[in-house]
């Protein structure tokens, strides 16, 4: 059974199927990173990674990750340990 479609409709279907085939065969195109509320891709952090606030500050070590919250530890200028939890989108990896 053949459907009566215009050449333009057939072309649209062919292009759509091509993109679907490419996306299915290429994991980088098929998957997307989770997005922050701002629409930016959320960077995934792992325990032990070095990070810094995007606004600057000391190098910190990731000690735990829960959802989009990253717990970090660091030492201040006098060598005293400190820790805090930050939203993932305010940190950058090193």
Foldseek 3Di string as FASTA:
>chain_A
DDDDDDPVVVVVVVVVVVVVVVLVVDVVNVDDADADPVRHHQDDDDFQFWKAFPVGDDIWTFHDDDDQKTKTWDADPVRHIDIDIDGRVRMDTD
